[in-house]
Every structure is written in structure tokens, then in C-alpha cells.
Amino acid sequence: MTRTSLALPEVALNPDERKLTVTWDDGAANSFHYVWLRHSARCSDGMPDDTSVKIDLLPDDPESLAIADYAIEGEMLVIYWHDGVLQTRHNLESLRQSAYDDGARKRRKHQPVLWNRDSATDIPVFNYAQTQSENDQLDLLLAVRDYGVAKIQGVPTEPGSIARVAAGFGPLHVNNYGRIFDVKSDANRNLGSNTGHYLPPHTDESYRHDAPGISFFHCLVASDEGGESTLVDGFKAAKVLRQADFDSFEVLTRVPVFFQRYAPPLDDMRSHTRMLVTDIDGDVVGVRWTDRTLPPQDLPAATIEPVYKAIRKLWKIINSEDMQHCYRMNQGDLHVFDNHRVLHGRRAFDPQAGARHLQQCSVNRDEFHNSLRILAARLEHPAADVVMAGGAVG
């Protein structure tokens, strides 16, 4: 085998496990599977645009791979494969940045800032006039990434102004409510948001497999009395449930719950999706909770009681006073929140005592993530390479 100098990383092979381990000059080490190295070499500059580059990127059969030799040439690790024909070249800095052991993957993952009633004062507040530059826009996107919510004050109150703010997150989503939806106390009373009734904290449209990602609410006319907004950090609620009753937490991360919006003749939407979604590491990455669209459950008999028990446990946590951030939206206020994390609601108010008018729209979650990464890369901000929560999907 080719030996490296002491100033360069040390390389070792483990043929039995089909891994190559690089020990860096600071003593840290990362291991890479042979099949990963072959696959990585085919797209060393990132995934190509498949409309212009036609290349087979599929990995090889792992068990068929063996390394005959390797060498370090400058900043590159060169691997000579056992077939005697193929060799691959790997930039050492890129290799280390791509390491996928538990520690490296954790360092790349975004760590959300959790909050409750007492710490909600930390939620970032922006002035609309100070969100126009690219740096300011990135700060706004990062606030929503970190806290799941951001507030903007002084937004012009002409109808449709919400679209200008939302466009910084991505193209507006269009659904059966339209592109921009009016929430008015004198509008369609079949929707709970258009009444003066109390609305408990919830995420929007849980009955859709792909629920709205980033939601925007803009206050054009505030109610004179009552109608205060409430927000709950669903990630914080999930953490409390996990610590208090792990069995119930596990049920809601494992069993798809039945949601439905039944409003004939136009709507009969249904989904079976998990209330709490975790990633491969067990971290919560999405919350789905709408009690008003939770019908009697269509689940295997053995899961019925555990699911109802778990739902009740989470309901108590979400509706506890110490979890809820309550505040009044004034005219010109706009708040942005991650609908796969933050639950929103509203205190009751008397519609006869004064009009209340909000406008609402949404941007798909993947468009938000794309906008954040592209802008961060343009501004050379490390957020461009941070792995963000996938949301309440599945």
C-alpha cells in the first residue's frame, strides 16, 4: 500500500466490512463504504443537471467491490479498484465535509430553537422596511428555520401585500382556497377561521398528505376586542411528551392517524399520516395536529386505544397555558410560521363589535428550503449546507 507522510491523512482499508478509513492530521477519523466512494466519484461536483448531462449515477453492487491500492496526490485521494481498470479521485476536503458517521451528520443538521410561553419573547421581530436587502431577507428566512416563526411589523395594509413578503420564500402555493385567502368575520361561516369562535392551536390542513409548508398571516384590520393570536411550538410539545410518556410519543411517531375534511359537495379530503414525524436519527422533524379534522379513527383494532391515549396526552400538553404564546396582531402585522412545526390559534371575539380581516397564503416547504440555500450560498453563509427538517410528511 502507498504510505502517506505524517503531514497528510492516514488511510486504512477494512476489506471485511468494505470500508476505507481516513485519519486526519488532527486525530479525527471518518470511515467510508466502498460503494459510497464509487458513487461519490461519479458526482464529485454535485448532482448534474439531468436535462443536460446523461450519466449513470446508480451505485454498484456493494459486495462486488474491492480496493487494490490507493495514493494521496496533493489534495486528492486516488483509489485503484480491484478490477484493474477503474480509478477514482476524491478531494480530501470534500471527503471530510461529506463524512456520514453519526457525529458528522449531527453537526450538519439544523438544531431548532425551542420555545414556550416564557421564552417566546425571543421570537424574532422584523420591521418591514428593514427586510428589503438580501442580508435582511436571509435573516428572516433563518428566523423561520430556527424558531419556526417570525413576526414582521409595518407591512402595508393594501390587500395582496402579503404576496410580496411570501415571494421571498418561494412561489405562492395555490389550493382550493386560492392563491391568497381572506379570513374575515363576515365571510364564509362554514370555516371556523371566519367565525368569532375560539380556535385551539392547530396546524393547517392536516387532511392533506402534503399540508401547507410555510404559512403567512397578514392583519389588514384588527378586532377591537378579543381575537388574540396563540402560537405553540410543536417541537417543544413533542419533546415534553417524549419525556413524560415515551410510549405515547412512540405511538404517534409510528402509527399514521386518520384526518378528514368533509364538506360536500366540493371537499372530501382524507389522509393517513403521522402526527409526529421523526427522521432516521429519531429527531422530530414535523408535527401535524388539527383536532377539528380528526374523525373516528380508521386503524387496526390493536392500535385504537394506544392512539387515542397518545392523542389525549399530546392534546393536554398543547393546550396547557405554559406552552401557549398569546399576543395581539395589530394592523400591518404579518407573521410567518412553519406549518409543519408551529401550531396557531385564536382567542374568541365578538364579530358584531368590529370587523376583523386577515389575509393568508402559503409557500411549499421545499421552495422555502431552496430559497434559503440559494440565498445563503450567494451570500457565502454556512446555512447553505445545513440539513433542515423534512417536515410532517408520511
Protein backbone atom coordinates (compact mmCIF):
# COMPACT_ATOMS: atom_id res chain seq x y z
CA MET A 1 0.00 0.00 0.00
CA THR A 2 1.08 3.57 -0.63
CA ARG A 3 2.23 5.20 2.58
CA THR A 4 1.40 8.78 3.45
CA SER A 5 3.66 11.28 5.16
CA LEU A 6 2.95 12.36 8.71
CA ALA A 7 1.64 15.72 7.45
CA LEU A 8 -1.05 14.01 5.40
CA PRO A 9 -4.06 11.94 6.44
CA GLU A 10 -3.50 8.26 7.15
CA VAL A 11 -5.60 5.80 5.16
CA ALA A 12 -6.52 2.25 6.15
CA LEU A 13 -8.67 -0.40 4.49
CA ASN A 14 -11.08 -2.82 6.11
CA PRO A 15 -11.81 -5.37 3.35
CA ASP A 16 -14.15 -7.45 5.52
CA GLU A 17 -16.50 -4.50 6.10
CA ARG A 18 -15.68 -2.93 2.71
CA LYS A 19 -14.72 0.39 4.30
CA LEU A 20 -11.89 2.88 3.91
CA THR A 21 -10.96 4.95 6.96
CA VAL A 22 -9.20 8.31 6.78
CA THR A 23 -7.50 9.58 9.94
CA TRP A 24 -6.94 13.31 9.60
CA ASP A 25 -3.97 15.28 10.90
CA ASP A 26 -5.98 16.42 13.95
CA GLY A 27 -6.62 12.80 15.00
CA ALA A 28 -10.27 12.64 13.93
CA ALA A 29 -11.26 9.73 11.69
CA ASN A 30 -14.05 9.04 9.23
CA SER A 31 -14.96 5.79 7.50
CA PHE A 32 -16.44 5.47 4.02
CA HIS A 33 -18.01 2.40 2.45
CA TYR A 34 -16.51 1.29 -0.85
CA VAL A 35 -19.86 1.60 -2.60
CA TRP A 36 -20.29 5.15 -1.30
CA LEU A 37 -16.86 6.13 -2.63
CA ARG A 38 -17.65 4.76 -6.11
CA HIS A 39 -20.98 6.56 -6.17
CA SER A 40 -19.48 9.79 -4.84
CA ALA A 41 -16.81 9.80 -7.53
CA ARG A 42 -19.48 9.89 -10.24
CA CYS A 43 -20.89 13.18 -8.95
CA SER A 44 -17.95 14.80 -7.18
CA ASP A 45 -19.13 18.28 -8.19
CA GLY A 46 -22.69 17.71 -7.04
CA MET A 47 -25.59 16.12 -8.84
CA PRO A 48 -25.57 17.10 -12.51
CA ASP A 49 -28.49 18.74 -14.26
CA ASP A 50 -30.12 15.66 -15.73
CA THR A 51 -31.54 17.64 -18.64
CA SER A 52 -28.05 18.29 -19.99
CA VAL A 53 -25.86 15.52 -18.55
CA LYS A 54 -26.68 11.88 -19.18
CA ILE A 55 -24.67 9.71 -16.81
CA ASP A 56 -25.28 6.53 -14.88
CA LEU A 57 -25.17 7.57 -11.21
CA LEU A 58 -26.54 4.36 -9.75
CA PRO A 59 -24.26 2.68 -7.20
CA ASP A 60 -22.52 -0.61 -7.78
CA ASP A 61 -23.27 -3.90 -6.05
CA PRO A 62 -21.54 -3.39 -2.65
CA GLU A 63 -20.41 -7.00 -2.27
CA SER A 64 -18.59 -7.00 -5.61
CA LEU A 65 -16.25 -4.12 -4.76
CA ALA A 66 -12.63 -4.31 -3.61
CA ILE A 67 -9.78 -1.78 -3.48
CA ALA A 68 -6.39 -2.86 -4.81
CA ASP A 69 -4.39 0.23 -3.80
CA TYR A 70 -4.63 3.91 -3.01
CA ALA A 71 -2.44 7.01 -3.03
CA ILE A 72 -2.61 10.59 -1.84
CA GLU A 73 -1.63 13.02 -4.57
CA GLY A 74 -1.69 16.60 -3.36
CA GLU A 75 -5.25 17.32 -2.22
CA MET A 76 -6.66 14.16 -3.76
CA LEU A 77 -7.17 10.60 -2.57
CA VAL A 78 -6.73 8.29 -5.56
CA ILE A 79 -8.28 4.83 -5.35
CA TYR A 80 -7.27 1.96 -7.64
CA TRP A 81 -10.06 -0.57 -7.77
CA HIS A 82 -9.53 -4.31 -7.93
CA ASP A 83 -10.83 -4.67 -11.49
CA GLY A 84 -7.58 -3.01 -12.63
CA VAL A 85 -9.40 -0.62 -14.93
CA LEU A 86 -11.24 1.95 -12.86
CA GLN A 87 -9.63 4.53 -10.61
CA THR A 88 -11.46 7.29 -8.75
CA ARG A 89 -10.24 10.59 -7.39
CA HIS A 90 -11.62 12.21 -4.23
CA ASN A 91 -10.88 15.73 -2.99
CA LEU A 92 -9.82 15.32 0.64
CA GLU A 93 -11.56 18.46 1.92
CA SER A 94 -14.81 17.48 0.20
CA LEU A 95 -14.46 13.95 1.53
CA ARG A 96 -14.23 15.15 5.09
CA GLN A 97 -17.17 17.53 4.65
CA SER A 98 -19.24 14.64 3.30
CA ALA A 99 -18.49 12.21 6.14
CA TYR A 100 -21.64 10.43 7.27
CA ASP A 101 -20.77 8.94 10.65
CA ASP A 102 -23.14 9.90 13.47
CA GLY A 103 -21.07 12.81 14.73
CA ALA A 104 -20.54 14.34 11.29
CA ARG A 105 -24.19 14.00 10.35
CA LYS A 106 -25.30 15.59 13.61
CA ARG A 107 -23.02 18.57 13.02
CA ARG A 108 -24.63 19.14 9.60
CA LYS A 109 -28.19 19.01 10.94
CA HIS A 110 -30.02 22.15 11.95
CA GLN A 111 -30.80 22.36 15.66
CA PRO A 112 -34.11 24.21 16.20
CA VAL A 113 -34.55 26.77 18.96
CA LEU A 114 -37.41 25.51 21.16
CA TRP A 115 -39.69 27.93 22.99
CA ASN A 116 -42.77 28.10 25.19
CA ARG A 117 -44.83 30.89 26.76
CA ASP A 118 -41.97 32.15 28.91
CA SER A 119 -39.30 32.16 26.19
CA ALA A 120 -41.49 33.30 23.28
CA THR A 121 -40.14 36.83 23.71
CA ASP A 122 -37.07 35.51 21.87
CA ILE A 123 -39.07 35.01 18.65
CA PRO A 124 -37.51 37.45 16.14
CA VAL A 125 -39.47 40.58 15.20
CA PHE A 126 -38.67 42.49 11.99
CA ASN A 127 -39.73 45.84 10.59
CA TYR A 128 -40.98 45.58 7.03
CA ALA A 129 -38.82 48.50 5.88
CA GLN A 130 -35.76 46.59 7.10
CA THR A 131 -36.43 43.35 5.22
CA GLN A 132 -35.66 44.56 1.72
CA SER A 133 -31.96 43.74 1.31
CA GLU A 134 -30.66 40.24 0.63
CA ASN A 135 -28.93 40.11 4.01
CA ASP A 136 -32.13 41.13 5.77
CA GLN A 137 -34.09 38.58 3.76
CA LEU A 138 -31.66 35.85 4.78
CA ASP A 139 -32.08 36.84 8.44
CA LEU A 140 -35.84 36.47 8.04
CA LEU A 141 -35.53 33.04 6.42
CA LEU A 142 -33.13 31.89 9.13
CA ALA A 143 -35.52 33.08 11.85
CA VAL A 144 -38.28 30.89 10.45
CA ARG A 145 -35.84 28.00 10.12
CA ASP A 146 -34.61 28.40 13.71
CA TYR A 147 -37.77 29.34 15.65
CA GLY A 148 -40.43 28.11 13.25
CA VAL A 149 -41.93 31.60 13.30
CA ALA A 150 -41.06 35.25 12.71
CA LYS A 151 -43.09 38.44 13.07
CA ILE A 152 -42.99 41.42 10.73
CA GLN A 153 -44.42 44.81 11.66
CA GLY A 154 -45.38 47.74 9.47
CA VAL A 155 -46.38 45.77 6.38
CA PRO A 156 -48.56 47.87 4.01
CA THR A 157 -52.23 47.02 4.55
CA GLU A 158 -53.33 47.08 0.93
CA PRO A 159 -54.89 43.71 0.06
CA GLY A 160 -52.34 41.48 -1.63
CA SER A 161 -49.31 42.95 0.14
CA ILE A 162 -48.78 39.56 1.76
CA ALA A 163 -47.68 38.20 -1.62
CA ARG A 164 -44.61 40.44 -1.70
CA VAL A 165 -43.39 39.03 1.61
CA ALA A 166 -44.20 35.44 0.71
CA ALA A 167 -42.40 35.70 -2.64
CA GLY A 168 -39.09 35.97 -0.75
CA PHE A 169 -39.72 32.41 0.49
CA GLY A 170 -40.75 30.95 -2.86
CA PRO A 171 -43.64 30.82 -5.34
CA LEU A 172 -47.07 31.06 -3.72
CA HIS A 173 -48.94 27.78 -3.41
CA VAL A 174 -52.41 27.53 -4.94
CA ASN A 175 -55.03 25.19 -3.48
CA ASN A 176 -58.82 25.02 -3.28
CA TYR A 177 -58.83 28.23 -1.23
CA GLY A 178 -56.97 30.05 -3.98
CA ARG A 179 -53.64 31.86 -4.01
CA ILE A 180 -54.48 34.37 -1.26
CA PHE A 181 -57.28 33.56 1.17
CA ASP A 182 -59.30 36.14 3.13
CA VAL A 183 -60.00 35.41 6.79
CA LYS A 184 -62.93 37.71 7.59
CA SER A 185 -65.53 37.63 10.33
CA ASP A 186 -68.27 38.38 7.76
CA ALA A 187 -67.16 35.79 5.17
CA ASN A 188 -67.89 32.05 4.75
CA ARG A 189 -69.03 30.94 8.22
CA ASN A 190 -68.61 27.28 7.31
CA LEU A 191 -64.92 27.82 8.04
CA GLY A 192 -64.00 28.12 11.70
CA SER A 193 -61.44 30.82 10.96
CA ASN A 194 -64.22 33.12 9.69
CA THR A 195 -66.29 32.91 12.86
CA GLY A 196 -65.59 34.65 16.15
CA HIS A 197 -65.27 31.33 17.97
CA TYR A 198 -62.23 30.25 19.90
CA LEU A 199 -59.85 28.25 17.71
CA PRO A 200 -57.50 25.94 19.62
CA PRO A 201 -53.89 25.62 18.42
CA HIS A 202 -53.62 23.57 15.23
CA THR A 203 -51.67 23.11 12.04
CA ASP A 204 -53.50 23.87 8.82
CA GLU A 205 -54.96 21.25 6.51
CA SER A 206 -53.78 18.07 8.19
CA TYR A 207 -56.22 16.22 5.95
CA ARG A 208 -53.80 16.72 3.05
CA HIS A 209 -50.91 14.32 2.65
CA ASP A 210 -48.86 17.37 1.64
CA ALA A 211 -50.03 20.03 4.09
CA PRO A 212 -49.08 23.70 3.50
CA GLY A 213 -45.43 24.27 4.35
CA ILE A 214 -44.78 27.90 5.32
CA SER A 215 -47.87 29.93 6.21
CA PHE A 216 -48.31 33.69 6.15
CA PHE A 217 -50.98 35.69 8.03
CA HIS A 218 -51.30 39.43 7.45
CA CYS A 219 -53.56 41.61 9.58
CA LEU A 220 -55.37 44.24 7.48
CA VAL A 221 -57.99 45.11 10.11
CA ALA A 222 -57.62 44.11 13.77
CA SER A 223 -60.55 43.27 16.04
CA ASP A 224 -61.31 45.92 18.65
CA GLU A 225 -61.50 43.43 21.49
CA GLY A 226 -60.54 39.76 21.78
CA GLY A 227 -59.24 37.66 18.92
CA GLU A 228 -55.68 37.43 20.25
CA SER A 229 -53.46 35.01 18.35
CA THR A 230 -51.91 31.96 20.00
CA LEU A 231 -48.84 30.01 18.92
CA VAL A 232 -47.40 26.74 20.22
CA ASP A 233 -44.01 25.27 19.34
CA GLY A 234 -44.94 21.75 18.26
CA PHE A 235 -41.32 20.59 18.55
CA LYS A 236 -41.31 21.70 22.18
CA ALA A 237 -44.64 19.94 22.79
CA ALA A 238 -43.25 16.75 21.25
CA LYS A 239 -40.20 16.96 23.50
CA VAL A 240 -42.40 17.33 26.59
CA LEU A 241 -44.46 14.30 25.52
CA ARG A 242 -41.32 12.27 24.83
CA GLN A 243 -40.01 12.96 28.32
CA ALA A 244 -43.35 12.46 30.09
CA ASP A 245 -44.73 9.42 28.25
CA PHE A 246 -42.33 7.82 25.78
CA ASP A 247 -44.79 5.07 24.85
CA SER A 248 -47.37 7.63 23.70
CA PHE A 249 -44.67 9.57 21.87
CA GLU A 250 -43.58 6.40 20.08
CA VAL A 251 -47.16 5.60 19.05
CA LEU A 252 -47.62 8.99 17.40
CA THR A 253 -44.30 8.67 15.55
CA ARG A 254 -45.19 5.18 14.29
CA VAL A 255 -48.96 4.99 13.59
CA PRO A 256 -50.49 7.05 10.75
CA VAL A 257 -53.53 8.89 12.12
CA PHE A 258 -56.69 9.45 10.06
CA PHE A 259 -57.61 13.07 9.19
CA GLN A 260 -60.54 14.21 7.06
CA ARG A 261 -62.21 17.38 5.78
CA TYR A 262 -65.76 16.50 4.79
CA ALA A 263 -67.58 19.48 3.28
CA PRO A 264 -69.68 18.30 0.34
CA PRO A 265 -70.32 18.93 -2.45
CA LEU A 266 -66.74 20.15 -3.07
CA ASP A 267 -64.48 18.68 -0.40
CA ASP A 268 -63.87 15.19 0.92
CA MET A 269 -60.14 15.14 1.65
CA ARG A 270 -58.50 12.37 3.66
CA SER A 271 -55.03 11.44 4.83
CA HIS A 272 -53.43 8.79 6.99
CA THR A 273 -50.30 10.48 8.27
CA ARG A 274 -48.26 10.53 11.46
CA MET A 275 -48.85 13.30 13.98
CA LEU A 276 -45.18 13.32 14.95
CA VAL A 277 -42.65 12.61 12.22
CA THR A 278 -39.08 11.65 13.10
CA ASP A 279 -36.03 11.31 10.88
CA ILE A 280 -33.57 8.44 10.65
CA ASP A 281 -31.89 9.63 13.87
CA GLY A 282 -35.15 9.78 15.85
CA ASP A 283 -35.29 13.59 15.89
CA VAL A 284 -38.72 15.18 15.44
CA VAL A 285 -38.85 16.96 12.08
CA GLY A 286 -42.59 17.53 11.66
CA VAL A 287 -45.82 17.93 13.62
CA ARG A 288 -49.36 17.53 12.30
CA TRP A 289 -52.26 18.44 14.59
CA THR A 290 -55.80 19.53 13.77
CA ASP A 291 -58.41 18.30 16.22
CA ARG A 292 -61.27 19.74 14.13
CA THR A 293 -60.43 17.35 11.27
CA LEU A 294 -59.83 14.27 13.40
CA PRO A 295 -62.68 11.79 12.72
CA PRO A 296 -63.21 8.42 14.43
CA GLN A 297 -60.06 6.53 13.62
CA ASP A 298 -59.76 4.02 10.79
CA LEU A 299 -56.95 1.89 12.25
CA PRO A 300 -56.22 -1.73 13.22
CA ALA A 301 -58.07 -2.71 16.38
CA ALA A 302 -54.90 -3.24 18.40
CA THR A 303 -53.83 0.37 17.89
CA ILE A 304 -57.11 2.16 18.70
CA GLU A 305 -56.73 2.63 22.46
CA PRO A 306 -52.97 3.41 22.38
CA VAL A 307 -53.56 6.03 19.64
CA TYR A 308 -56.44 7.71 21.47
CA LYS A 309 -54.44 7.73 24.70
CA ALA A 310 -51.46 9.30 22.93
CA ILE A 311 -53.62 11.91 21.18
CA ARG A 312 -55.15 12.88 24.53
CA LYS A 313 -51.71 13.19 26.12
CA LEU A 314 -50.46 15.48 23.36
CA TRP A 315 -53.70 17.50 23.44
CA LYS A 316 -53.19 18.27 27.14
CA ILE A 317 -49.62 19.44 26.52
CA ILE A 318 -50.54 21.65 23.54
CA ASN A 319 -53.42 23.26 25.41
CA SER A 320 -51.52 23.92 28.62
CA GLU A 321 -51.06 27.61 29.35
CA ASP A 322 -47.31 27.38 29.76
CA MET A 323 -46.96 26.19 26.15
CA GLN A 324 -49.03 28.92 24.51
CA HIS A 325 -47.67 32.26 23.34
CA CYS A 326 -50.62 34.67 23.22
CA TYR A 327 -50.42 38.12 21.61
CA ARG A 328 -52.50 40.59 19.63
CA MET A 329 -51.96 41.08 15.91
CA ASN A 330 -52.22 44.77 15.12
CA GLN A 331 -52.98 46.33 11.76
CA GLY A 332 -49.95 45.86 9.49
CA ASP A 333 -48.57 42.89 11.44
CA LEU A 334 -47.63 39.80 9.47
CA HIS A 335 -46.42 36.57 10.95
CA VAL A 336 -44.70 33.74 9.11
CA PHE A 337 -44.61 30.25 10.56
CA ASP A 338 -43.64 26.72 9.72
CA ASN A 339 -46.95 24.86 9.43
CA HIS A 340 -45.11 21.57 9.96
CA ARG A 341 -43.91 22.74 13.37
CA VAL A 342 -45.82 25.69 14.83
CA LEU A 343 -49.47 25.41 15.83
CA HIS A 344 -51.59 28.55 15.64
CA GLY A 345 -54.96 29.50 17.06
CA ARG A 346 -57.08 32.44 18.12
CA ARG A 347 -58.99 33.56 21.18
CA ALA A 348 -62.71 34.21 20.76
CA PHE A 349 -64.03 37.64 19.80
CA ASP A 350 -67.38 39.28 19.06
CA PRO A 351 -67.72 39.84 15.29
CA GLN A 352 -70.51 42.35 15.95
CA ALA A 353 -68.16 44.56 17.93
CA GLY A 354 -65.92 45.28 14.93
CA ALA A 355 -64.59 43.80 11.71
CA ARG A 356 -61.50 41.59 11.64
CA HIS A 357 -59.72 40.94 8.36
CA LEU A 358 -56.60 38.88 7.73
CA GLN A 359 -55.14 37.53 4.53
CA GLN A 360 -53.42 34.18 4.35
CA CYS A 361 -51.23 32.37 1.85
CA SER A 362 -48.58 29.67 1.86
CA VAL A 363 -45.35 28.56 0.20
CA ASN A 364 -44.35 24.92 -0.18
CA ARG A 365 -41.74 23.78 2.30
CA ASP A 366 -39.26 22.62 -0.32
CA GLU A 367 -39.45 26.01 -2.08
CA PHE A 368 -38.62 27.72 1.23
CA HIS A 369 -35.63 25.43 1.79
CA ASN A 370 -34.48 26.03 -1.78
CA SER A 371 -34.73 29.82 -1.41
CA LEU A 372 -32.78 29.72 1.86
CA ARG A 373 -29.99 27.53 0.47
CA ILE A 374 -29.59 29.51 -2.76
CA LEU A 375 -29.55 32.89 -0.98
CA ALA A 376 -27.18 31.60 1.73
CA ALA A 377 -24.80 30.26 -0.91
CA ARG A 378 -24.85 33.59 -2.77
CA LEU A 379 -24.01 35.41 0.47
CA GLU A 380 -21.43 32.74 1.46
CA HIS A 381 -23.36 31.88 4.62
CA PRO A 382 -22.87 28.39 6.16
CA ALA A 383 -26.63 27.83 6.20
CA ALA A 384 -26.31 26.76 2.57
CA ASP A 385 -25.02 23.35 3.69
CA VAL A 386 -27.12 22.77 6.81
CA VAL A 387 -29.60 19.87 6.70
CA MET A 388 -33.08 21.20 7.52
CA ALA A 389 -36.09 19.38 8.98
CA GLY A 390 -38.09 17.50 6.38
CA GLY A 391 -41.49 18.25 7.85
CA ALA A 392 -44.67 16.32 8.65
CA VAL A 393 -44.69 14.07 5.61
CA GLY A 394 -45.54 10.38 5.77
